Amino acid sequence: WQGFAVQKAYAASLCRNDWVLDLDADEVLSDELVSNLKALFEQE
């Protein structure tokens, strides 16, 4: 741990995709949001 900023920047650096979704462990996506995210990425 070196603070939230360093921790999240490090996590993002590990990702293999250009598009990243930052979620905290106390956050849950609603059904509507999941559906709309899928629709968003049907195309780039």
All heavy atoms as atom14 arrays in JSON, in Angstrom:
{
  "sequence": "WQGFAVQKAYAASLCRNDWVLDLDADEVLSDELVSNLKALFEQE",
  "atom14_mask": [
    [1, 1, 1, 1, 1, 1, 1, 1, 1, 1, 1, 1, 1, 1],
    [1, 1, 1, 1, 1, 1, 1, 1, 1, 0, 0, 0, 0, 0],
    [1, 1, 1, 1, 0, 0, 0, 0, 0, 0, 0, 0, 0, 0],
    [1, 1, 1, 1, 1, 1, 1, 1, 1, 1, 1, 0, 0, 0],
    [1, 1, 1, 1, 1, 0, 0, 0, 0, 0, 0, 0, 0, 0],
    [1, 1, 1, 1, 1, 1, 1, 0, 0, 0, 0, 0, 0, 0],
    [1, 1, 1, 1, 1, 1, 1, 1, 1, 0, 0, 0, 0, 0],
    [1, 1, 1, 1, 1, 1, 1, 1, 1, 0, 0, 0, 0, 0],
    [1, 1, 1, 1, 1, 0, 0, 0, 0, 0, 0, 0, 0, 0],
    [1, 1, 1, 1, 1, 1, 1, 1, 1, 1, 1, 1, 0, 0],
    [1, 1, 1, 1, 1, 0, 0, 0, 0, 0, 0, 0, 0, 0],
    [1, 1, 1, 1, 1, 0, 0, 0, 0, 0, 0, 0, 0, 0],
    [1, 1, 1, 1, 1, 1, 0, 0, 0, 0, 0, 0, 0, 0],
    [1, 1, 1, 1, 1, 1, 1, 1, 0, 0, 0, 0, 0, 0],
    [1, 1, 1, 1, 1, 1, 0, 0, 0, 0, 0, 0, 0, 0],
    [1, 1, 1, 1, 1, 1, 1, 1, 1, 1, 1, 0, 0, 0],
    [1, 1, 1, 1, 1, 1, 1, 1, 0, 0, 0, 0, 0, 0],
    [1, 1, 1, 1, 1, 1, 1, 1, 0, 0, 0, 0, 0, 0],
    [1, 1, 1, 1, 1, 1, 1, 1, 1, 1, 1, 1, 1, 1],
    [1, 1, 1, 1, 1, 1, 1, 0, 0, 0, 0, 0, 0, 0],
    [1, 1, 1, 1, 1, 1, 1, 1, 0, 0, 0, 0, 0, 0],
    [1, 1, 1, 1, 1, 1, 1, 1, 0, 0, 0, 0, 0, 0],
    [1, 1, 1, 1, 1, 1, 1, 1, 0, 0, 0, 0, 0, 0],
    [1, 1, 1, 1, 1, 1, 1, 1, 0, 0, 0, 0, 0, 0],
    [1, 1, 1, 1, 1, 0, 0, 0, 0, 0, 0, 0, 0, 0],
    [1, 1, 1, 1, 1, 1, 1, 1, 0, 0, 0, 0, 0, 0],
    [1, 1, 1, 1, 1, 1, 1, 1, 1, 0, 0, 0, 0, 0],
    [1, 1, 1, 1, 1, 1, 1, 0, 0, 0, 0, 0, 0, 0],
    [1, 1, 1, 1, 1, 1, 1, 1, 0, 0, 0, 0, 0, 0],
    [1, 1, 1, 1, 1, 1, 0, 0, 0, 0, 0, 0, 0, 0],
    [1, 1, 1, 1, 1, 1, 1, 1, 0, 0, 0, 0, 0, 0],
    [1, 1, 1, 1, 1, 1, 1, 1, 1, 0, 0, 0, 0, 0],
    [1, 1, 1, 1, 1, 1, 1, 1, 0, 0, 0, 0, 0, 0],
    [1, 1, 1, 1, 1, 1, 1, 0, 0, 0, 0, 0, 0, 0],
    [1, 1, 1, 1, 1, 1, 0, 0, 0, 0, 0, 0, 0, 0],
    [1, 1, 1, 1, 1, 1, 1, 1, 0, 0, 0, 0, 0, 0],
    [1, 1, 1, 1, 1, 1, 1, 1, 0, 0, 0, 0, 0, 0],
    [1, 1, 1, 1, 1, 1, 1, 1, 1, 0, 0, 0, 0, 0],
    [1, 1, 1, 1, 1, 0, 0, 0, 0, 0, 0, 0, 0, 0],
    [1, 1, 1, 1, 1, 1, 1, 1, 0, 0, 0, 0, 0, 0],
    [1, 1, 1, 1, 1, 1, 1, 1, 1, 1, 1, 0, 0, 0],
    [1, 1, 1, 1, 1, 1, 1, 1, 1, 0, 0, 0, 0, 0],
    [1, 1, 1, 1, 1, 1, 1, 1, 1, 0, 0, 0, 0, 0],
    [1, 1, 1, 1, 1, 1, 1, 1, 1, 0, 0, 0, 0, 0]
  ],
  "atom14_positions": [
    [[0.82, -1.21, 0.0], [0.0, 0.0, 0.0], [0.86, 1.26, 0.0], [1.74, 1.42, 0.82], [-0.9, 0.0, 1.22], [-1.86, 1.15, 1.25], [-1.76, 2.28, 2.0], [-3.07, 1.27, 0.51], [-2.84, 3.1, 1.77], [-3.65, 2.51, 0.85], [-3.71, 0.45, -0.43], [-4.86, 2.94, 0.31], [-4.91, 0.88, -0.97], [-5.47, 2.12, -0.6]],
    [[0.55, 2.17, -0.95], [1.21, 3.48, -1.0], [0.19, 4.59, -1.2], [0.53, 5.68, -1.65], [2.24, 3.53, -2.13], [3.35, 2.5, -2.01], [4.28, 2.54, -3.2], [4.79, 3.6, -3.57], [4.5, 1.4, -3.83], [0.0, 0.0, 0.0], [0.0, 0.0, 0.0], [0.0, 0.0, 0.0], [0.0, 0.0, 0.0], [0.0, 0.0, 0.0]],
    [[-1.06, 4.3, -0.88], [-2.13, 5.27, -1.1], [-3.03, 4.82, -2.25], [-2.65, 4.01, -3.09], [0.0, 0.0, 0.0], [0.0, 0.0, 0.0], [0.0, 0.0, 0.0], [0.0, 0.0, 0.0], [0.0, 0.0, 0.0], [0.0, 0.0, 0.0], [0.0, 0.0, 0.0], [0.0, 0.0, 0.0], [0.0, 0.0, 0.0], [0.0, 0.0, 0.0]],
    [[-4.24, 5.35, -2.26], [-5.22, 4.94, -3.28], [-4.74, 5.24, -4.69], [-4.95, 4.43, -5.61], [-6.55, 5.66, -3.03], [-7.37, 5.05, -1.93], [-7.27, 5.53, -0.63], [-8.22, 3.99, -2.18], [-8.01, 4.97, 0.39], [-8.96, 3.42, -1.16], [-8.87, 3.91, 0.13], [0.0, 0.0, 0.0], [0.0, 0.0, 0.0], [0.0, 0.0, 0.0]],
    [[-4.13, 6.39, -4.91], [-3.73, 6.77, -6.26], [-2.7, 5.79, -6.83], [-2.84, 5.31, -7.97], [-3.16, 8.19, -6.27], [0.0, 0.0, 0.0], [0.0, 0.0, 0.0], [0.0, 0.0, 0.0], [0.0, 0.0, 0.0], [0.0, 0.0, 0.0], [0.0, 0.0, 0.0], [0.0, 0.0, 0.0], [0.0, 0.0, 0.0], [0.0, 0.0, 0.0]],
    [[-1.67, 5.47, -6.06], [-0.64, 4.54, -6.52], [-1.23, 3.15, -6.73], [-0.94, 2.47, -7.73], [0.53, 4.47, -5.52], [1.48, 3.33, -5.86], [1.29, 5.8, -5.51], [0.0, 0.0, 0.0], [0.0, 0.0, 0.0], [0.0, 0.0, 0.0], [0.0, 0.0, 0.0], [0.0, 0.0, 0.0], [0.0, 0.0, 0.0], [0.0, 0.0, 0.0]],
    [[-2.07, 2.72, -5.8], [-2.63, 1.37, -5.88], [-3.48, 1.19, -7.15], [-3.37, 0.18, -7.85], [-3.46, 1.08, -4.63], [-3.63, -0.4, -4.32], [-2.36, -1.03, -3.76], [-1.31, -0.4, -3.71], [-2.44, -2.28, -3.35], [0.0, 0.0, 0.0], [0.0, 0.0, 0.0], [0.0, 0.0, 0.0], [0.0, 0.0, 0.0], [0.0, 0.0, 0.0]],
    [[-4.31, 2.18, -7.43], [-5.18, 2.05, -8.61], [-4.4, 2.23, -9.91], [-4.69, 1.56, -10.91], [-6.33, 3.04, -8.52], [-7.35, 2.66, -7.47], [-8.66, 3.39, -7.63], [-9.71, 2.88, -6.67], [-11.04, 3.48, -6.89], [0.0, 0.0, 0.0], [0.0, 0.0, 0.0], [0.0, 0.0, 0.0], [0.0, 0.0, 0.0], [0.0, 0.0, 0.0]],
    [[-3.43, 3.13, -9.9], [-2.61, 3.3, -11.11], [-1.84, 2.02, -11.4], [-1.69, 1.62, -12.57], [-1.65, 4.47, -10.92], [0.0, 0.0, 0.0], [0.0, 0.0, 0.0], [0.0, 0.0, 0.0], [0.0, 0.0, 0.0], [0.0, 0.0, 0.0], [0.0, 0.0, 0.0], [0.0, 0.0, 0.0], [0.0, 0.0, 0.0], [0.0, 0.0, 0.0]],
    [[-1.34, 1.36, -10.36], [-0.63, 0.1, -10.55], [-1.57, -0.97, -11.1], [-1.22, -1.72, -12.01], [-0.03, -0.36, -9.23], [0.63, -1.72, -9.31], [1.87, -1.88, -9.93], [0.0, -2.85, -8.79], [2.48, -3.13, -10.02], [0.59, -4.1, -8.88], [1.83, -4.24, -9.5], [2.41, -5.48, -9.59], [0.0, 0.0, 0.0], [0.0, 0.0, 0.0]],
    [[-2.77, -1.05, -10.54], [-3.75, -2.03, -11.02], [-4.06, -1.8, -12.5], [-4.13, -2.75, -13.28], [-5.02, -1.95, -10.19], [0.0, 0.0, 0.0], [0.0, 0.0, 0.0], [0.0, 0.0, 0.0], [0.0, 0.0, 0.0], [0.0, 0.0, 0.0], [0.0, 0.0, 0.0], [0.0, 0.0, 0.0], [0.0, 0.0, 0.0], [0.0, 0.0, 0.0]],
    [[-4.23, -0.54, -12.89], [-4.52, -0.23, -14.29], [-3.36, -0.62, -15.2], [-3.56, -1.06, -16.34], [-4.84, 1.25, -14.45], [0.0, 0.0, 0.0], [0.0, 0.0, 0.0], [0.0, 0.0, 0.0], [0.0, 0.0, 0.0], [0.0, 0.0, 0.0], [0.0, 0.0, 0.0], [0.0, 0.0, 0.0], [0.0, 0.0, 0.0], [0.0, 0.0, 0.0]],
    [[-2.14, -0.5, -14.69], [-0.96, -0.83, -15.49], [-0.87, -2.32, -15.8], [-0.2, -2.73, -16.75], [0.32, -0.36, -14.8], [0.62, -1.21, -13.68], [0.0, 0.0, 0.0], [0.0, 0.0, 0.0], [0.0, 0.0, 0.0], [0.0, 0.0, 0.0], [0.0, 0.0, 0.0], [0.0, 0.0, 0.0], [0.0, 0.0, 0.0], [0.0, 0.0, 0.0]],
    [[-1.53, -3.15, -15.0], [-1.51, -4.6, -15.21], [-2.5, -5.05, -16.27], [-2.42, -6.19, -16.74], [-1.83, -5.33, -13.89], [-0.88, -5.09, -12.72], [-1.39, -5.85, -11.49], [0.53, -5.52, -13.05], [0.0, 0.0, 0.0], [0.0, 0.0, 0.0], [0.0, 0.0, 0.0], [0.0, 0.0, 0.0], [0.0, 0.0, 0.0], [0.0, 0.0, 0.0]],
    [[-3.42, -4.19, -16.65], [-4.49, -4.57, -17.56], [-3.98, -4.72, -18.99], [-3.14, -3.96, -19.45], [-5.61, -3.55, -17.52], [-6.4, -3.4, -15.89], [0.0, 0.0, 0.0], [0.0, 0.0, 0.0], [0.0, 0.0, 0.0], [0.0, 0.0, 0.0], [0.0, 0.0, 0.0], [0.0, 0.0, 0.0], [0.0, 0.0, 0.0], [0.0, 0.0, 0.0]],
    [[-4.52, -5.69, -19.7], [-4.1, -5.92, -21.09], [-4.98, -5.2, -22.1], [-4.64, -5.13, -23.29], [-4.08, -7.41, -21.39], [-5.41, -8.12, -21.28], [-5.28, -9.58, -21.74], [-6.49, -10.35, -21.48], [-6.56, -11.38, -20.64], [-5.49, -11.75, -19.95], [-7.69, -12.05, -20.48], [0.0, 0.0, 0.0], [0.0, 0.0, 0.0], [0.0, 0.0, 0.0]],
    [[-6.13, -4.68, -21.66], [-7.03, -3.96, -22.56], [-6.87, -2.45, -22.39], [-6.51, -1.97, -21.32], [-8.48, -4.36, -22.3], [-8.75, -5.81, -22.65], [-8.79, -6.18, -23.82], [-8.92, -6.64, -21.64], [0.0, 0.0, 0.0], [0.0, 0.0, 0.0], [0.0, 0.0, 0.0], [0.0, 0.0, 0.0], [0.0, 0.0, 0.0], [0.0, 0.0, 0.0]],
    [[-7.16, -1.72, -23.46], [-7.11, -0.26, -23.38], [-8.25, 0.29, -22.53], [-8.08, 1.26, -21.8], [-7.17, 0.35, -24.78], [-5.89, 0.12, -25.57], [-4.81, 0.05, -24.95], [-5.96, 0.01, -26.81], [0.0, 0.0, 0.0], [0.0, 0.0, 0.0], [0.0, 0.0, 0.0], [0.0, 0.0, 0.0], [0.0, 0.0, 0.0], [0.0, 0.0, 0.0]],
    [[-9.43, -0.34, -22.65], [-10.56, 0.1, -21.85], [-10.55, -0.62, -20.51], [-10.48, -1.85, -20.45], [-11.88, -0.16, -22.57], [-12.16, 0.84, -23.65], [-11.93, 0.69, -24.99], [-12.7, 2.16, -23.48], [-12.29, 1.84, -25.67], [-12.77, 2.76, -24.76], [-13.13, 2.89, -22.37], [-13.25, 4.04, -24.96], [-13.61, 4.18, -22.57], [-13.67, 4.74, -23.84]],
    [[-10.6, 0.15, -19.41], [-10.56, -0.42, -18.07], [-11.72, 0.13, -17.25], [-12.13, 1.27, -17.41], [-9.22, -0.12, -17.36], [-8.06, -0.76, -18.12], [-8.99, 1.38, -17.21], [0.0, 0.0, 0.0], [0.0, 0.0, 0.0], [0.0, 0.0, 0.0], [0.0, 0.0, 0.0], [0.0, 0.0, 0.0], [0.0, 0.0, 0.0], [0.0, 0.0, 0.0]],
    [[-12.22, -0.73, -16.37], [-13.29, -0.35, -15.46], [-12.76, -0.44, -14.03], [-12.34, -1.5, -13.58], [-14.49, -1.28, -15.65], [-15.67, -1.07, -14.68], [-16.27, 0.32, -14.83], [-16.75, -2.14, -14.92], [0.0, 0.0, 0.0], [0.0, 0.0, 0.0], [0.0, 0.0, 0.0], [0.0, 0.0, 0.0], [0.0, 0.0, 0.0], [0.0, 0.0, 0.0]],
    [[-12.78, 0.68, -13.36], [-12.28, 0.78, -11.99], [-13.45, 0.55, -11.03], [-14.39, 1.35, -10.99], [-11.66, 2.17, -11.79], [-11.42, 2.52, -10.34], [-11.37, 1.6, -9.51], [-11.26, 3.72, -10.04], [0.0, 0.0, 0.0], [0.0, 0.0, 0.0], [0.0, 0.0, 0.0], [0.0, 0.0, 0.0], [0.0, 0.0, 0.0], [0.0, 0.0, 0.0]],
    [[-13.39, -0.54, -10.26], [-14.43, -0.84, -9.29], [-13.82, -1.02, -7.91], [-12.76, -1.65, -7.78], [-15.18, -2.12, -9.66], [-16.31, -2.04, -10.68], [-16.94, -3.41, -10.86], [-17.36, -1.02, -10.27], [0.0, 0.0, 0.0], [0.0, 0.0, 0.0], [0.0, 0.0, 0.0], [0.0, 0.0, 0.0], [0.0, 0.0, 0.0], [0.0, 0.0, 0.0]],
    [[-14.47, -0.49, -6.9], [-14.07, -0.76, -5.53], [-14.77, -2.03, -5.05], [-15.8, -2.44, -5.61], [-14.42, 0.4, -4.61], [-13.52, 1.61, -4.85], [-12.42, 1.42, -5.41], [-13.92, 2.73, -4.49], [0.0, 0.0, 0.0], [0.0, 0.0, 0.0], [0.0, 0.0, 0.0], [0.0, 0.0, 0.0], [0.0, 0.0, 0.0], [0.0, 0.0, 0.0]],
    [[-14.24, -2.63, -4.01], [-14.8, -3.89, -3.5], [-16.16, -3.69, -2.85], [-16.85, -4.67, -2.56], [-13.84, -4.52, -2.5], [0.0, 0.0, 0.0], [0.0, 0.0, 0.0], [0.0, 0.0, 0.0], [0.0, 0.0, 0.0], [0.0, 0.0, 0.0], [0.0, 0.0, 0.0], [0.0, 0.0, 0.0], [0.0, 0.0, 0.0], [0.0, 0.0, 0.0]],
    [[-16.55, -2.44, -2.61], [-17.87, -2.19, -2.02], [-18.85, -1.63, -3.05], [-19.83, -0.98, -2.71], [-17.75, -1.23, -0.83], [-17.14, 0.12, -1.21], [-16.79, 0.32, -2.4], [-17.01, 0.98, -0.32], [0.0, 0.0, 0.0], [0.0, 0.0, 0.0], [0.0, 0.0, 0.0], [0.0, 0.0, 0.0], [0.0, 0.0, 0.0], [0.0, 0.0, 0.0]],
    [[-18.59, -1.9, -4.35], [-19.44, -1.4, -5.42], [-19.94, -2.56, -6.28], [-19.17, -3.45, -6.65], [-18.68, -0.4, -6.29], [-18.27, 0.85, -5.52], [-17.34, 1.76, -6.3], [-16.75, 1.31, -7.31], [-17.18, 2.93, -5.89], [0.0, 0.0, 0.0], [0.0, 0.0, 0.0], [0.0, 0.0, 0.0], [0.0, 0.0, 0.0], [0.0, 0.0, 0.0]],
    [[-21.21, -2.53, -6.62], [-21.85, -3.59, -7.42], [-22.59, -2.93, -8.58], [-23.32, -1.95, -8.37], [-22.83, -4.42, -6.56], [-23.51, -5.49, -7.41], [-22.1, -5.06, -5.39], [0.0, 0.0, 0.0], [0.0, 0.0, 0.0], [0.0, 0.0, 0.0], [0.0, 0.0, 0.0], [0.0, 0.0, 0.0], [0.0, 0.0, 0.0], [0.0, 0.0, 0.0]],
    [[-22.41, -3.45, -9.78], [-23.08, -2.9, -10.96], [-24.53, -3.38, -11.01], [-24.82, -4.56, -10.79], [-22.36, -3.33, -12.24], [-20.87, -3.0, -12.34], [-20.35, -3.37, -13.73], [-20.59, -1.53, -12.05], [0.0, 0.0, 0.0], [0.0, 0.0, 0.0], [0.0, 0.0, 0.0], [0.0, 0.0, 0.0], [0.0, 0.0, 0.0], [0.0, 0.0, 0.0]],
    [[-25.43, -2.46, -11.33], [-26.84, -2.82, -11.47], [-27.05, -3.58, -12.78], [-26.22, -3.52, -13.7], [-27.72, -1.57, -11.45], [-27.48, -0.79, -12.62], [0.0, 0.0, 0.0], [0.0, 0.0, 0.0], [0.0, 0.0, 0.0], [0.0, 0.0, 0.0], [0.0, 0.0, 0.0], [0.0, 0.0, 0.0], [0.0, 0.0, 0.0], [0.0, 0.0, 0.0]],
    [[-28.17, -4.28, -12.89], [-28.5, -5.01, -14.11], [-28.57, -4.06, -15.3], [-28.11, -4.39, -16.41], [-29.84, -5.73, -13.95], [-29.76, -6.89, -12.97], [-28.64, -7.39, -12.72], [-30.82, -7.29, -12.44], [0.0, 0.0, 0.0], [0.0, 0.0, 0.0], [0.0, 0.0, 0.0], [0.0, 0.0, 0.0], [0.0, 0.0, 0.0], [0.0, 0.0, 0.0]],
    [[-29.17, -2.9, -15.11], [-29.29, -1.92, -16.19], [-27.92, -1.48, -16.67], [-27.68, -1.38, -17.88], [-30.09, -0.71, -15.72], [-30.24, 0.37, -16.8], [-30.86, 1.65, -16.29], [-31.03, 1.78, -15.06], [-31.15, 2.54, -17.12], [0.0, 0.0, 0.0], [0.0, 0.0, 0.0], [0.0, 0.0, 0.0], [0.0, 0.0, 0.0], [0.0, 0.0, 0.0]],
    [[-27.0, -1.23, -15.75], [-25.66, -0.77, -16.13], [-24.91, -1.86, -16.88], [-24.25, -1.59, -17.89], [-24.88, -0.34, -14.89], [-23.48, 0.23, -15.13], [-23.51, 1.37, -16.15], [-22.86, 0.7, -13.82], [0.0, 0.0, 0.0], [0.0, 0.0, 0.0], [0.0, 0.0, 0.0], [0.0, 0.0, 0.0], [0.0, 0.0, 0.0], [0.0, 0.0, 0.0]],
    [[-25.0, -3.1, -16.43], [-24.34, -4.21, -17.12], [-24.87, -4.33, -18.54], [-24.1, -4.49, -19.5], [-24.54, -5.53, -16.34], [-24.08, -6.72, -17.19], [-23.78, -5.5, -15.03], [0.0, 0.0, 0.0], [0.0, 0.0, 0.0], [0.0, 0.0, 0.0], [0.0, 0.0, 0.0], [0.0, 0.0, 0.0], [0.0, 0.0, 0.0], [0.0, 0.0, 0.0]],
    [[-26.18, -4.25, -18.69], [-26.79, -4.35, -20.01], [-26.31, -3.24, -20.93], [-26.0, -3.47, -22.11], [-28.32, -4.31, -19.87], [-28.94, -4.35, -21.14], [0.0, 0.0, 0.0], [0.0, 0.0, 0.0], [0.0, 0.0, 0.0], [0.0, 0.0, 0.0], [0.0, 0.0, 0.0], [0.0, 0.0, 0.0], [0.0, 0.0, 0.0], [0.0, 0.0, 0.0]],
    [[-26.23, -2.03, -20.41], [-25.8, -0.89, -21.23], [-24.31, -0.93, -21.55], [-23.88, -0.46, -22.61], [-26.16, 0.41, -20.53], [-27.64, 0.71, -20.58], [-28.31, 0.41, -21.57], [-28.19, 1.28, -19.51], [0.0, 0.0, 0.0], [0.0, 0.0, 0.0], [0.0, 0.0, 0.0], [0.0, 0.0, 0.0], [0.0, 0.0, 0.0], [0.0, 0.0, 0.0]],
    [[-23.51, -1.49, -20.65], [-22.08, -1.67, -20.94], [-21.88, -2.67, -22.08], [-21.05, -2.47, -22.97], [-21.34, -2.13, -19.69], [-21.12, -1.08, -18.6], [-20.54, -1.73, -17.35], [-20.19, 0.02, -19.09], [0.0, 0.0, 0.0], [0.0, 0.0, 0.0], [0.0, 0.0, 0.0], [0.0, 0.0, 0.0], [0.0, 0.0, 0.0], [0.0, 0.0, 0.0]],
    [[-22.66, -3.74, -22.05], [-22.57, -4.72, -23.13], [-22.97, -4.09, -24.47], [-22.32, -4.33, -25.5], [-23.47, -5.92, -22.82], [-22.98, -6.76, -21.65], [-23.94, -7.91, -21.36], [-23.44, -8.77, -20.22], [-24.38, -9.88, -19.91], [0.0, 0.0, 0.0], [0.0, 0.0, 0.0], [0.0, 0.0, 0.0], [0.0, 0.0, 0.0], [0.0, 0.0, 0.0]],
    [[-24.02, -3.28, -24.44], [-24.46, -2.61, -25.66], [-23.4, -1.63, -26.17], [-23.18, -1.5, -27.38], [-25.78, -1.89, -25.41], [0.0, 0.0, 0.0], [0.0, 0.0, 0.0], [0.0, 0.0, 0.0], [0.0, 0.0, 0.0], [0.0, 0.0, 0.0], [0.0, 0.0, 0.0], [0.0, 0.0, 0.0], [0.0, 0.0, 0.0], [0.0, 0.0, 0.0]],
    [[-22.73, -0.95, -25.25], [-21.7, 0.01, -25.62], [-20.56, -0.65, -26.38], [-20.01, -0.08, -27.33], [-21.17, 0.71, -24.36], [-20.02, 1.7, -24.54], [-20.47, 2.92, -25.35], [-19.47, 2.13, -23.19], [0.0, 0.0, 0.0], [0.0, 0.0, 0.0], [0.0, 0.0, 0.0], [0.0, 0.0, 0.0], [0.0, 0.0, 0.0], [0.0, 0.0, 0.0]],
    [[-20.2, -1.88, -25.97], [-19.05, -2.55, -26.56], [-19.43, -3.58, -27.62], [-18.6, -4.4, -28.0], [-18.21, -3.2, -25.46], [-17.35, -2.22, -24.73], [-17.79, -1.62, -23.56], [-16.09, -1.86, -25.21], [-17.0, -0.7, -22.88], [-15.29, -0.95, -24.54], [-15.75, -0.37, -23.37], [0.0, 0.0, 0.0], [0.0, 0.0, 0.0], [0.0, 0.0, 0.0]],
    [[-20.67, -3.53, -28.09], [-21.01, -4.37, -29.24], [-20.17, -3.96, -30.44], [-19.84, -4.76, -31.31], [-22.5, -4.24, -29.55], [-23.39, -5.0, -28.58], [-24.86, -4.87, -28.92], [-25.18, -4.1, -29.86], [-25.68, -5.53, -28.27], [0.0, 0.0, 0.0], [0.0, 0.0, 0.0], [0.0, 0.0, 0.0], [0.0, 0.0, 0.0], [0.0, 0.0, 0.0]],
    [[-19.84, -2.68, -30.47], [-18.87, -2.14, -31.41], [-17.86, -1.32, -30.61], [-18.14, -0.89, -29.5], [-19.55, -1.26, -32.47], [-20.53, -2.01, -33.35], [-21.17, -1.1, -34.38], [-21.11, 0.12, -34.29], [-21.79, -1.71, -35.39], [0.0, 0.0, 0.0], [0.0, 0.0, 0.0], [0.0, 0.0, 0.0], [0.0, 0.0, 0.0], [0.0, 0.0, 0.0]],
    [[-16.69, -1.1, -31.17], [-15.68, -0.29, -30.49], [-16.23, 1.1, -30.22], [-16.75, 1.76, -31.13], [-14.42, -0.18, -31.35], [-13.32, 0.69, -30.76], [-12.64, 0.07, -29.55], [-12.78, -1.15, -29.37], [-11.96, 0.81, -28.82], [0.0, 0.0, 0.0], [0.0, 0.0, 0.0], [0.0, 0.0, 0.0], [0.0, 0.0, 0.0], [0.0, 0.0, 0.0]]
  ]
}
